Amino acid sequence: MSKKSSSKTQEKISREIEKLMSEWKETKKMTTSRATYRPKTQEEAMRQAAAIAYGKHKVGRSGSKRKKKK
């Protein structure tokens, strides 16, 4: 991944985290297409938002696809 596309991806991830955190502050829950999360504290919410955002953009551990071992 080049620096330019990497920074664009990071910007998208940051915007996604901001969106999820604002949703959590209003409703105390985060909704994705798969599930609804209800973190109790702001720290938990931030971690969950980061996990959702990185997974959505297939970056990091939660978003990487693992190959099956035979």
N, C-alpha and C. Protein backbone atom coordinates (compact mmCIF):
# COMPACT_ATOMS: atom_id res chain seq x y z
N MET A 1 0.85 -1.17 0.00
CA MET A 1 0.00 0.00 0.00
C MET A 1 0.89 1.23 0.00
N SER A 2 0.64 2.17 -0.89
CA SER A 2 1.46 3.38 -0.95
C SER A 2 1.08 4.34 0.17
N LYS A 3 1.97 5.33 0.39
CA LYS A 3 1.71 6.30 1.46
C LYS A 3 0.41 7.05 1.22
N LYS A 4 0.17 7.43 -0.03
CA LYS A 4 -1.02 8.21 -0.34
C LYS A 4 -2.29 7.44 -0.03
N SER A 5 -2.38 6.21 -0.49
CA SER A 5 -3.58 5.42 -0.23
C SER A 5 -3.69 5.05 1.24
N SER A 6 -2.56 4.90 1.89
CA SER A 6 -2.57 4.59 3.31
C SER A 6 -3.16 5.74 4.12
N SER A 7 -2.77 6.97 3.78
CA SER A 7 -3.29 8.12 4.52
C SER A 7 -4.77 8.32 4.21
N LYS A 8 -5.19 8.03 2.98
CA LYS A 8 -6.61 8.15 2.65
C LYS A 8 -7.42 7.11 3.43
N THR A 9 -6.89 5.93 3.54
CA THR A 9 -7.56 4.88 4.30
C THR A 9 -7.66 5.29 5.76
N GLN A 10 -6.57 5.85 6.30
CA GLN A 10 -6.57 6.27 7.70
C GLN A 10 -7.60 7.38 7.93
N GLU A 11 -7.74 8.29 6.96
CA GLU A 11 -8.75 9.35 7.08
C GLU A 11 -10.15 8.76 7.11
N LYS A 12 -10.40 7.77 6.26
CA LYS A 12 -11.71 7.12 6.23
C LYS A 12 -11.99 6.42 7.56
N ILE A 13 -10.96 5.76 8.10
CA ILE A 13 -11.11 5.07 9.37
C ILE A 13 -11.41 6.07 10.48
N SER A 14 -10.70 7.19 10.48
CA SER A 14 -10.92 8.22 11.50
C SER A 14 -12.34 8.77 11.43
N ARG A 15 -12.83 9.02 10.22
CA ARG A 15 -14.20 9.51 10.07
C ARG A 15 -15.21 8.48 10.56
N GLU A 16 -14.94 7.22 10.29
CA GLU A 16 -15.84 6.15 10.73
C GLU A 16 -15.89 6.08 12.25
N ILE A 17 -14.72 6.21 12.89
CA ILE A 17 -14.66 6.18 14.35
C ILE A 17 -15.43 7.37 14.93
N GLU A 18 -15.24 8.56 14.35
CA GLU A 18 -15.97 9.74 14.82
C GLU A 18 -17.47 9.55 14.71
N LYS A 19 -17.91 8.98 13.59
CA LYS A 19 -19.34 8.73 13.37
C LYS A 19 -19.89 7.76 14.42
N LEU A 20 -19.16 6.67 14.65
CA LEU A 20 -19.60 5.68 15.63
C LEU A 20 -19.62 6.24 17.04
N MET A 21 -18.63 7.06 17.38
CA MET A 21 -18.57 7.65 18.73
C MET A 21 -19.70 8.66 18.93
N SER A 22 -20.03 9.44 17.92
CA SER A 22 -21.13 10.38 18.07
C SER A 22 -22.45 9.64 18.22
N GLU A 23 -22.60 8.52 17.49
CA GLU A 23 -23.80 7.69 17.64
C GLU A 23 -23.87 7.13 19.06
N TRP A 24 -22.72 6.67 19.59
CA TRP A 24 -22.69 6.12 20.95
C TRP A 24 -23.04 7.18 21.98
N LYS A 25 -22.53 8.40 21.81
CA LYS A 25 -22.81 9.47 22.77
C LYS A 25 -24.29 9.82 22.82
N GLU A 26 -24.97 9.71 21.69
CA GLU A 26 -26.40 10.03 21.63
C GLU A 26 -27.27 8.89 22.14
N THR A 27 -26.96 7.66 21.73
CA THR A 27 -27.85 6.54 22.00
C THR A 27 -27.27 5.47 22.92
N LYS A 28 -25.98 5.56 23.24
CA LYS A 28 -25.27 4.56 24.03
C LYS A 28 -25.24 3.19 23.36
N LYS A 29 -25.29 3.21 22.01
CA LYS A 29 -25.11 1.96 21.27
C LYS A 29 -24.52 2.27 19.90
N MET A 30 -23.91 1.25 19.29
CA MET A 30 -23.33 1.36 17.95
C MET A 30 -23.97 0.27 17.10
N THR A 31 -24.45 0.66 15.95
CA THR A 31 -25.13 -0.29 15.08
C THR A 31 -24.34 -0.49 13.79
N THR A 32 -24.10 -1.75 13.46
CA THR A 32 -23.48 -2.09 12.18
C THR A 32 -24.47 -2.99 11.44
N SER A 33 -24.09 -3.41 10.25
CA SER A 33 -24.99 -4.28 9.50
C SER A 33 -25.10 -5.65 10.15
N ARG A 34 -24.12 -6.04 10.94
CA ARG A 34 -24.13 -7.36 11.56
C ARG A 34 -24.69 -7.39 12.97
N ALA A 35 -24.42 -6.32 13.74
CA ALA A 35 -24.79 -6.39 15.16
C ALA A 35 -24.96 -5.00 15.74
N THR A 36 -25.52 -4.97 16.94
CA THR A 36 -25.63 -3.74 17.71
C THR A 36 -24.80 -3.93 18.97
N TYR A 37 -23.87 -3.00 19.20
CA TYR A 37 -22.99 -3.06 20.36
C TYR A 37 -23.42 -2.01 21.36
N ARG A 38 -23.33 -2.37 22.65
CA ARG A 38 -23.72 -1.44 23.72
C ARG A 38 -22.61 -1.33 24.76
N PRO A 39 -21.50 -0.68 24.40
CA PRO A 39 -20.42 -0.51 25.38
C PRO A 39 -20.87 0.38 26.53
N LYS A 40 -20.43 0.05 27.74
CA LYS A 40 -20.88 0.79 28.93
C LYS A 40 -20.09 2.06 29.17
N THR A 41 -18.78 2.05 28.86
CA THR A 41 -17.95 3.23 29.12
C THR A 41 -17.44 3.81 27.81
N GLN A 42 -16.94 5.04 27.89
CA GLN A 42 -16.42 5.69 26.69
C GLN A 42 -15.18 4.96 26.18
N GLU A 43 -14.36 4.45 27.09
CA GLU A 43 -13.16 3.71 26.68
C GLU A 43 -13.54 2.45 25.90
N GLU A 44 -14.52 1.71 26.40
CA GLU A 44 -14.99 0.52 25.70
C GLU A 44 -15.56 0.90 24.33
N ALA A 45 -16.29 2.00 24.30
CA ALA A 45 -16.89 2.46 23.05
C ALA A 45 -15.82 2.81 22.02
N MET A 46 -14.75 3.48 22.47
CA MET A 46 -13.68 3.86 21.57
C MET A 46 -12.98 2.62 20.99
N ARG A 47 -12.74 1.64 21.85
CA ARG A 47 -12.10 0.40 21.37
C ARG A 47 -13.00 -0.33 20.38
N GLN A 48 -14.29 -0.39 20.67
CA GLN A 48 -15.22 -1.07 19.77
C GLN A 48 -15.33 -0.33 18.45
N ALA A 49 -15.38 1.00 18.51
CA ALA A 49 -15.47 1.80 17.28
C ALA A 49 -14.23 1.58 16.42
N ALA A 50 -13.06 1.53 17.05
CA ALA A 50 -11.82 1.29 16.29
C ALA A 50 -11.84 -0.09 15.66
N ALA A 51 -12.28 -1.09 16.40
CA ALA A 51 -12.35 -2.45 15.87
C ALA A 51 -13.30 -2.52 14.67
N ILE A 52 -14.44 -1.87 14.78
CA ILE A 52 -15.42 -1.87 13.70
C ILE A 52 -14.83 -1.17 12.47
N ALA A 53 -14.24 0.00 12.68
CA ALA A 53 -13.71 0.80 11.56
C ALA A 53 -12.56 0.10 10.86
N TYR A 54 -11.60 -0.44 11.63
CA TYR A 54 -10.48 -1.13 11.00
C TYR A 54 -10.94 -2.39 10.29
N GLY A 55 -11.88 -3.11 10.86
CA GLY A 55 -12.41 -4.31 10.22
C GLY A 55 -13.14 -3.99 8.93
N LYS A 56 -13.87 -2.89 8.93
CA LYS A 56 -14.62 -2.49 7.75
C LYS A 56 -13.69 -2.18 6.57
N HIS A 57 -12.52 -1.63 6.88
CA HIS A 57 -11.56 -1.27 5.83
C HIS A 57 -10.47 -2.32 5.67
N LYS A 58 -10.67 -3.48 6.29
CA LYS A 58 -9.77 -4.62 6.17
C LYS A 58 -8.32 -4.27 6.47
N VAL A 59 -8.13 -3.59 7.60
CA VAL A 59 -6.80 -3.22 8.06
C VAL A 59 -6.60 -3.80 9.44
N GLY A 60 -5.45 -4.38 9.70
CA GLY A 60 -5.17 -4.89 11.03
C GLY A 60 -5.71 -6.27 11.26
N ARG A 61 -5.61 -6.69 12.49
CA ARG A 61 -5.96 -8.05 12.85
C ARG A 61 -7.42 -8.39 12.60
N SER A 62 -8.32 -7.49 12.96
CA SER A 62 -9.75 -7.81 12.83
C SER A 62 -10.21 -7.84 11.39
N GLY A 63 -9.50 -7.13 10.51
CA GLY A 63 -9.94 -7.06 9.13
C GLY A 63 -9.21 -7.98 8.18
N SER A 64 -8.08 -8.54 8.61
CA SER A 64 -7.31 -9.38 7.71
C SER A 64 -7.95 -10.74 7.58
N LYS A 65 -7.88 -11.28 6.41
CA LYS A 65 -8.46 -12.60 6.18
C LYS A 65 -7.37 -13.65 6.34
N ARG A 66 -7.66 -14.66 7.12
CA ARG A 66 -6.69 -15.72 7.36
C ARG A 66 -6.92 -16.84 6.37
N LYS A 67 -5.82 -17.47 5.95
CA LYS A 67 -5.92 -18.62 5.07
C LYS A 67 -6.15 -19.87 5.91
N LYS A 68 -7.00 -20.75 5.43
CA LYS A 68 -7.27 -21.98 6.14
C LYS A 68 -6.10 -22.94 5.97
N LYS A 69 -5.74 -23.59 7.08
CA LYS A 69 -4.68 -24.60 7.01
C LYS A 69 -5.28 -25.92 6.58
N LYS A 70 -4.55 -26.63 5.76
CA LYS A 70 -5.05 -27.93 5.29
C LYS A 70 -4.50 -29.05 6.12
